[in-house]
C-alpha cells in the first residue's frame, strides 16, 4: 500500500470515528444538555452523618455560605467566589450594590445559621453553641471569612475547650 493510500485510509477512519463519537454523544442525550441549577441557599439542607472533624467543618462552611448567600439573595457559589479575595469581594459588592457592612452582617448571619445547623445535627454541643453564637455576633468581616474558610480550625479549638469534661457536663443536661 502506498503512502498516499495509507493517508487516505487514516483520514477516512478518523472521520468515521468522529462521526461515531458524535452519534454516541447525541444518543446519550448530549443534545439536550443543560447545566445543573444551583440549589436555593435559603432551603435547609440535611447534614450528612459526618465522620470526623474535617467533614463536620466542611458542612459547617457550606451551611455558613448558604446562610450568608440567602441573606444577600445570591447563590452560594457566587458568594464563595466573592469571598476568595478582597478584590473579588469588591467586584461582588459593586455588582450587587452592597457595602462591606451588609456583606459582614450576612456572613455573620451565615455563621450563626451554621452553628444552629451543627447543633441541630448533634455535631456541636449545646454547651459550646451558645457562647459561640455570642462570639460570632461581634466578629469583623475578615475574621468571619476566615472562619468560613477554615472551620476545621475553629471547631477543633471549640472541641478542645471542654475536652473530657464535655461528656460529664452533658450528663446533667435534660
C-alpha atoms as a PDB file:
ATOM      1  CA  UNK A   1       0.000   0.000   0.000  1.00  0.00           C
ATOM      2  CA  UNK A   2       1.354   3.381  -0.988  1.00  0.00           C
ATOM      3  CA  UNK A   3       1.870   6.220   1.445  1.00  0.00           C
ATOM      4  CA  UNK A   4      -0.890   8.232  -0.219  1.00  0.00           C
ATOM      5  CA  UNK A   5      -3.335   5.337   0.114  1.00  0.00           C
ATOM      6  CA  UNK A   6      -2.421   4.866   3.822  1.00  0.00           C
ATOM      7  CA  UNK A   7      -3.040   8.570   4.434  1.00  0.00           C
ATOM      8  CA  UNK A   8      -6.467   8.302   2.770  1.00  0.00           C
ATOM      9  CA  UNK A   9      -7.389   5.256   4.888  1.00  0.00           C
ATOM     10  CA  UNK A  10      -6.261   7.005   8.098  1.00  0.00           C
ATOM     11  CA  UNK A  11      -8.189  10.144   7.206  1.00  0.00           C
ATOM     12  CA  UNK A  12     -11.318   8.139   6.365  1.00  0.00           C
ATOM     13  CA  UNK A  13     -11.004   6.136   9.605  1.00  0.00           C
ATOM     14  CA  UNK A  14     -10.634   9.346  11.628  1.00  0.00           C
ATOM     15  CA  UNK A  15     -13.752  10.823  10.039  1.00  0.00           C
ATOM     16  CA  UNK A  16     -15.766   7.657  10.760  1.00  0.00           C
ATOM     17  CA  UNK A  17     -14.539   7.608  14.382  1.00  0.00           C
ATOM     18  CA  UNK A  18     -15.501  11.275  14.824  1.00  0.00           C
ATOM     19  CA  UNK A  19     -18.975  10.647  13.396  1.00  0.00           C
ATOM     20  CA  UNK A  20     -19.472   7.619  15.673  1.00  0.00           C
ATOM     21  CA  UNK A  21     -18.410   9.707  18.671  1.00  0.00           C
ATOM     22  CA  UNK A  22     -20.914  12.455  17.793  1.00  0.00           C
ATOM     23  CA  UNK A  23     -23.639   9.831  17.297  1.00  0.00           C
ATOM     24  CA  UNK A  24     -22.971   8.241  20.699  1.00  0.00           C
ATOM     25  CA  UNK A  25     -22.962  11.701  22.325  1.00  0.00           C
ATOM     26  CA  UNK A  26     -26.319  12.568  20.785  1.00  0.00           C
ATOM     27  CA  UNK A  27     -27.795   9.154  21.650  1.00  0.00           C
ATOM     28  CA  UNK A  28     -26.774   9.673  25.284  1.00  0.00           C
ATOM     29  CA  UNK A  29     -28.756  12.922  25.440  1.00  0.00           C
ATOM     30  CA  UNK A  30     -25.917  15.315  24.695  1.00  0.00           C
ATOM     31  CA  UNK A  31     -28.113  17.496  22.501  1.00  0.00           C
ATOM     32  CA  UNK A  32     -30.294  18.448  25.464  1.00  0.00           C
ATOM     33  CA  UNK A  33     -27.545  19.221  27.969  1.00  0.00           C
ATOM     34  CA  UNK A  34     -28.365  21.955  30.457  1.00  0.00           C
ATOM     35  CA  UNK A  35     -26.124  22.834  33.380  1.00  0.00           C
ATOM     36  CA  UNK A  36     -27.405  21.764  36.770  1.00  0.00           C
ATOM     37  CA  UNK A  37     -29.242  24.512  38.629  1.00  0.00           C
ATOM     38  CA  UNK A  38     -27.641  25.769  41.782  1.00  0.00           C
ATOM     39  CA  UNK A  39     -29.545  24.915  44.910  1.00  0.00           C
ATOM     40  CA  UNK A  40     -31.545  27.541  46.738  1.00  0.00           C
ATOM     41  CA  UNK A  41     -29.306  28.679  49.628  1.00  0.00           C
ATOM     42  CA  UNK A  42     -32.393  29.561  51.674  1.00  0.00           C
ATOM     43  CA  UNK A  43     -33.545  25.933  51.765  1.00  0.00           C
ATOM     44  CA  UNK A  44     -32.276  23.980  54.731  1.00  0.00           C
ATOM     45  CA  UNK A  45     -30.011  21.098  53.760  1.00  0.00           C
ATOM     46  CA  UNK A  46     -29.858  17.948  55.768  1.00  0.00           C
ATOM     47  CA  UNK A  47     -26.479  17.302  57.328  1.00  0.00           C
ATOM     48  CA  UNK A  48     -24.932  14.022  56.331  1.00  0.00           C
ATOM     49  CA  UNK A  49     -23.604  11.811  59.107  1.00  0.00           C
ATOM     50  CA  UNK A  50     -20.174  13.355  59.450  1.00  0.00           C
ATOM     51  CA  UNK A  51     -17.339  11.112  60.481  1.00  0.00           C
ATOM     52  CA  UNK A  52     -14.718  13.370  61.902  1.00  0.00           C
ATOM     53  CA  UNK A  53     -13.836  16.980  62.303  1.00  0.00           C
ATOM     54  CA  UNK A  54     -12.968  17.582  58.637  1.00  0.00           C
ATOM     55  CA  UNK A  55     -16.431  16.509  57.446  1.00  0.00           C
ATOM     56  CA  UNK A  56     -18.171  18.499  60.181  1.00  0.00           C
ATOM     57  CA  UNK A  57     -16.082  21.541  59.215  1.00  0.00           C
ATOM     58  CA  UNK A  58     -16.991  21.117  55.547  1.00  0.00           C
ATOM     59  CA  UNK A  59     -20.701  21.005  56.354  1.00  0.00           C
ATOM     60  CA  UNK A  60     -20.313  23.952  58.726  1.00  0.00           C
ATOM     61  CA  UNK A  61     -18.663  26.033  55.989  1.00  0.00           C
ATOM     62  CA  UNK A  62     -21.288  25.097  53.400  1.00  0.00           C
ATOM     63  CA  UNK A  63     -24.071  25.917  55.838  1.00  0.00           C
ATOM     64  CA  UNK A  64     -22.474  29.279  56.656  1.00  0.00           C
ATOM     65  CA  UNK A  65     -22.130  30.097  52.952  1.00  0.00           C
ATOM     66  CA  UNK A  66     -25.761  29.083  52.356  1.00  0.00           C
ATOM     67  CA  UNK A  67     -26.961  31.300  55.191  1.00  0.00           C
ATOM     68  CA  UNK A  68     -24.972  34.306  54.013  1.00  0.00           C
ATOM     69  CA  UNK A  69     -25.958  33.796  50.365  1.00  0.00           C
ATOM     70  CA  UNK A  70     -29.615  33.534  51.356  1.00  0.00           C
ATOM     71  CA  UNK A  71     -29.385  36.805  53.274  1.00  0.00           C
ATOM     72  CA  UNK A  72     -27.801  38.510  50.240  1.00  0.00           C
ATOM     73  CA  UNK A  73     -30.091  36.914  47.664  1.00  0.00           C
ATOM     74  CA  UNK A  74     -27.253  35.296  45.673  1.00  0.00           C
ATOM     75  CA  UNK A  75     -26.075  31.738  45.057  1.00  0.00           C
ATOM     76  CA  UNK A  76     -23.679  30.035  47.452  1.00  0.00           C
ATOM     77  CA  UNK A  77     -21.228  29.584  44.579  1.00  0.00           C
ATOM     78  CA  UNK A  78     -21.243  33.309  43.711  1.00  0.00           C
ATOM     79  CA  UNK A  79     -20.622  34.215  47.345  1.00  0.00           C
ATOM     80  CA  UNK A  80     -17.843  31.633  47.750  1.00  0.00           C
ATOM     81  CA  UNK A  81     -16.043  33.128  44.746  1.00  0.00           C
ATOM     82  CA  UNK A  82     -16.548  36.634  46.138  1.00  0.00           C
ATOM     83  CA  UNK A  83     -15.023  35.749  49.500  1.00  0.00           C
ATOM     84  CA  UNK A  84     -11.907  34.257  47.897  1.00  0.00           C
ATOM     85  CA  UNK A  85     -10.043  37.575  47.873  1.00  0.00           C
ATOM     86  CA  UNK A  86     -10.576  41.225  48.759  1.00  0.00           C
ATOM     87  CA  UNK A  87     -10.570  42.109  45.048  1.00  0.00           C
ATOM     88  CA  UNK A  88     -13.250  39.522  44.275  1.00  0.00           C
ATOM     89  CA  UNK A  89     -15.300  40.781  47.224  1.00  0.00           C
ATOM     90  CA  UNK A  90     -15.044  44.343  45.932  1.00  0.00           C
ATOM     91  CA  UNK A  91     -16.237  43.294  42.450  1.00  0.00           C
ATOM     92  CA  UNK A  92     -19.077  41.328  44.053  1.00  0.00           C
ATOM     93  CA  UNK A  93     -20.081  44.314  46.204  1.00  0.00           C
ATOM     94  CA  UNK A  94     -20.127  46.595  43.171  1.00  0.00           C
ATOM     95  CA  UNK A  95     -22.082  44.121  41.050  1.00  0.00           C
ATOM     96  CA  UNK A  96     -24.774  43.622  43.707  1.00  0.00           C
ATOM     97  CA  UNK A  97     -24.631  47.175  45.126  1.00  0.00           C
ATOM     98  CA  UNK A  98     -23.599  46.035  48.608  1.00  0.00           C
ATOM     99  CA  UNK A  99     -21.475  47.653  51.280  1.00  0.00           C
ATOM    100  CA  UNK A 100     -18.870  45.806  53.341  1.00  0.00           C
ATOM    101  CA  UNK A 101     -21.192  46.240  56.332  1.00  0.00           C
ATOM    102  CA  UNK A 102     -24.029  44.451  54.505  1.00  0.00           C
ATOM    103  CA  UNK A 103     -21.714  41.636  53.485  1.00  0.00           C
ATOM    104  CA  UNK A 104     -20.379  41.394  57.048  1.00  0.00           C
ATOM    105  CA  UNK A 105     -23.897  41.157  58.508  1.00  0.00           C
ATOM    106  CA  UNK A 106     -24.808  38.450  56.014  1.00  0.00           C
ATOM    107  CA  UNK A 107     -21.634  36.442  56.665  1.00  0.00           C
ATOM    108  CA  UNK A 108     -22.179  36.635  60.431  1.00  0.00           C
ATOM    109  CA  UNK A 109     -25.804  35.531  59.919  1.00  0.00           C
ATOM    110  CA  UNK A 110     -24.496  32.631  57.847  1.00  0.00           C
ATOM    111  CA  UNK A 111     -22.119  31.601  60.614  1.00  0.00           C
ATOM    112  CA  UNK A 112     -24.968  31.724  63.134  1.00  0.00           C
ATOM    113  CA  UNK A 113     -27.069  29.530  60.838  1.00  0.00           C
ATOM    114  CA  UNK A 114     -24.161  27.081  60.636  1.00  0.00           C
ATOM    115  CA  UNK A 115     -23.972  26.918  64.441  1.00  0.00           C
ATOM    116  CA  UNK A 116     -27.728  26.270  64.605  1.00  0.00           C
ATOM    117  CA  UNK A 117     -27.481  23.563  61.921  1.00  0.00           C
ATOM    118  CA  UNK A 118     -24.492  21.913  63.605  1.00  0.00           C
ATOM    119  CA  UNK A 119     -26.236  21.923  66.975  1.00  0.00           C
ATOM    120  CA  UNK A 120     -29.446  20.501  65.471  1.00  0.00           C
ATOM    121  CA  UNK A 121     -27.435  17.752  63.768  1.00  0.00           C
ATOM    122  CA  UNK A 122     -25.745  16.858  67.053  1.00  0.00           C
ATOM    123  CA  UNK A 123     -22.326  17.853  65.715  1.00  0.00           C
ATOM    124  CA  UNK A 124     -21.892  20.764  68.127  1.00  0.00           C
ATOM    125  CA  UNK A 125     -22.525  20.606  71.834  1.00  0.00           C
ATOM    126  CA  UNK A 126     -25.196  22.956  73.226  1.00  0.00           C
ATOM    127  CA  UNK A 127     -22.620  23.868  75.882  1.00  0.00           C
ATOM    128  CA  UNK A 128     -20.468  25.398  73.166  1.00  0.00           C
ATOM    129  CA  UNK A 129     -23.140  26.603  70.734  1.00  0.00           C
ATOM    130  CA  UNK A 130     -24.451  29.417  72.968  1.00  0.00           C
ATOM    131  CA  UNK A 131     -21.110  31.074  73.735  1.00  0.00           C
ATOM    132  CA  UNK A 132     -20.003  30.536  70.136  1.00  0.00           C
ATOM    133  CA  UNK A 133     -23.078  32.399  68.860  1.00  0.00           C
ATOM    134  CA  UNK A 134     -22.286  35.350  71.121  1.00  0.00           C
ATOM    135  CA  UNK A 135     -18.698  35.422  69.881  1.00  0.00           C
ATOM    136  CA  UNK A 136     -19.757  35.252  66.227  1.00  0.00           C
ATOM    137  CA  UNK A 137     -22.170  38.175  66.594  1.00  0.00           C
ATOM    138  CA  UNK A 138     -19.262  40.527  67.263  1.00  0.00           C
ATOM    139  CA  UNK A 139     -16.542  39.466  64.855  1.00  0.00           C
ATOM    140  CA  UNK A 140     -15.454  41.592  61.921  1.00  0.00           C
ATOM    141  CA  UNK A 141     -15.783  40.613  58.261  1.00  0.00           C
ATOM    142  CA  UNK A 142     -12.216  39.375  57.786  1.00  0.00           C
ATOM    143  CA  UNK A 143     -12.467  37.094  60.830  1.00  0.00           C
ATOM    144  CA  UNK A 144     -15.857  35.817  59.683  1.00  0.00           C
ATOM    145  CA  UNK A 145     -14.498  34.975  56.238  1.00  0.00           C
ATOM    146  CA  UNK A 146     -11.519  33.242  57.818  1.00  0.00           C
ATOM    147  CA  UNK A 147     -13.868  31.127  59.958  1.00  0.00           C
ATOM    148  CA  UNK A 148     -15.845  30.031  56.904  1.00  0.00           C
ATOM    149  CA  UNK A 149     -12.601  29.310  55.096  1.00  0.00           C
ATOM    150  CA  UNK A 150     -11.064  27.363  57.995  1.00  0.00           C
ATOM    151  CA  UNK A 151     -13.963  26.000  60.022  1.00  0.00           C
ATOM    152  CA  UNK A 152     -11.910  22.932  60.923  1.00  0.00           C
ATOM    153  CA  UNK A 153      -9.544  25.081  62.976  1.00  0.00           C
ATOM    154  CA  UNK A 154     -12.446  26.794  64.769  1.00  0.00           C
ATOM    155  CA  UNK A 155     -14.256  23.557  65.527  1.00  0.00           C
ATOM    156  CA  UNK A 156     -11.050  21.888  66.664  1.00  0.00           C
ATOM    157  CA  UNK A 157     -10.463  24.675  69.188  1.00  0.00           C
ATOM    158  CA  UNK A 158     -14.071  24.525  70.363  1.00  0.00           C
ATOM    159  CA  UNK A 159     -13.871  20.755  70.765  1.00  0.00           C
ATOM    160  CA  UNK A 160     -10.690  21.092  72.794  1.00  0.00           C
ATOM    161  CA  UNK A 161     -12.128  23.642  75.217  1.00  0.00           C
ATOM    162  CA  UNK A 162     -14.188  21.109  77.138  1.00  0.00           C
ATOM    163  CA  UNK A 163     -12.129  18.021  76.407  1.00  0.00           C
ATOM    164  CA  UNK A 164     -13.067  15.001  78.500  1.00  0.00           C
ATOM    165  CA  UNK A 165     -15.304  17.087  80.793  1.00  0.00           C
ATOM    166  CA  UNK A 166     -17.828  17.555  77.946  1.00  0.00           C
ATOM    167  CA  UNK A 167     -19.419  14.118  78.415  1.00  0.00           C
ATOM    168  CA  UNK A 168     -19.707  14.602  82.158  1.00  0.00           C
ATOM    169  CA  UNK A 169     -21.323  18.035  81.765  1.00  0.00           C
ATOM    170  CA  UNK A 170     -23.722  16.802  79.050  1.00  0.00           C
ATOM    171  CA  UNK A 171     -24.950  14.175  81.517  1.00  0.00           C
ATOM    172  CA  UNK A 172     -26.548  16.992  83.531  1.00  0.00           C
ATOM    173  CA  UNK A 173     -28.474  18.399  80.560  1.00  0.00           C
ATOM    174  CA  UNK A 174     -32.136  17.487  80.030  1.00  0.00           C
END
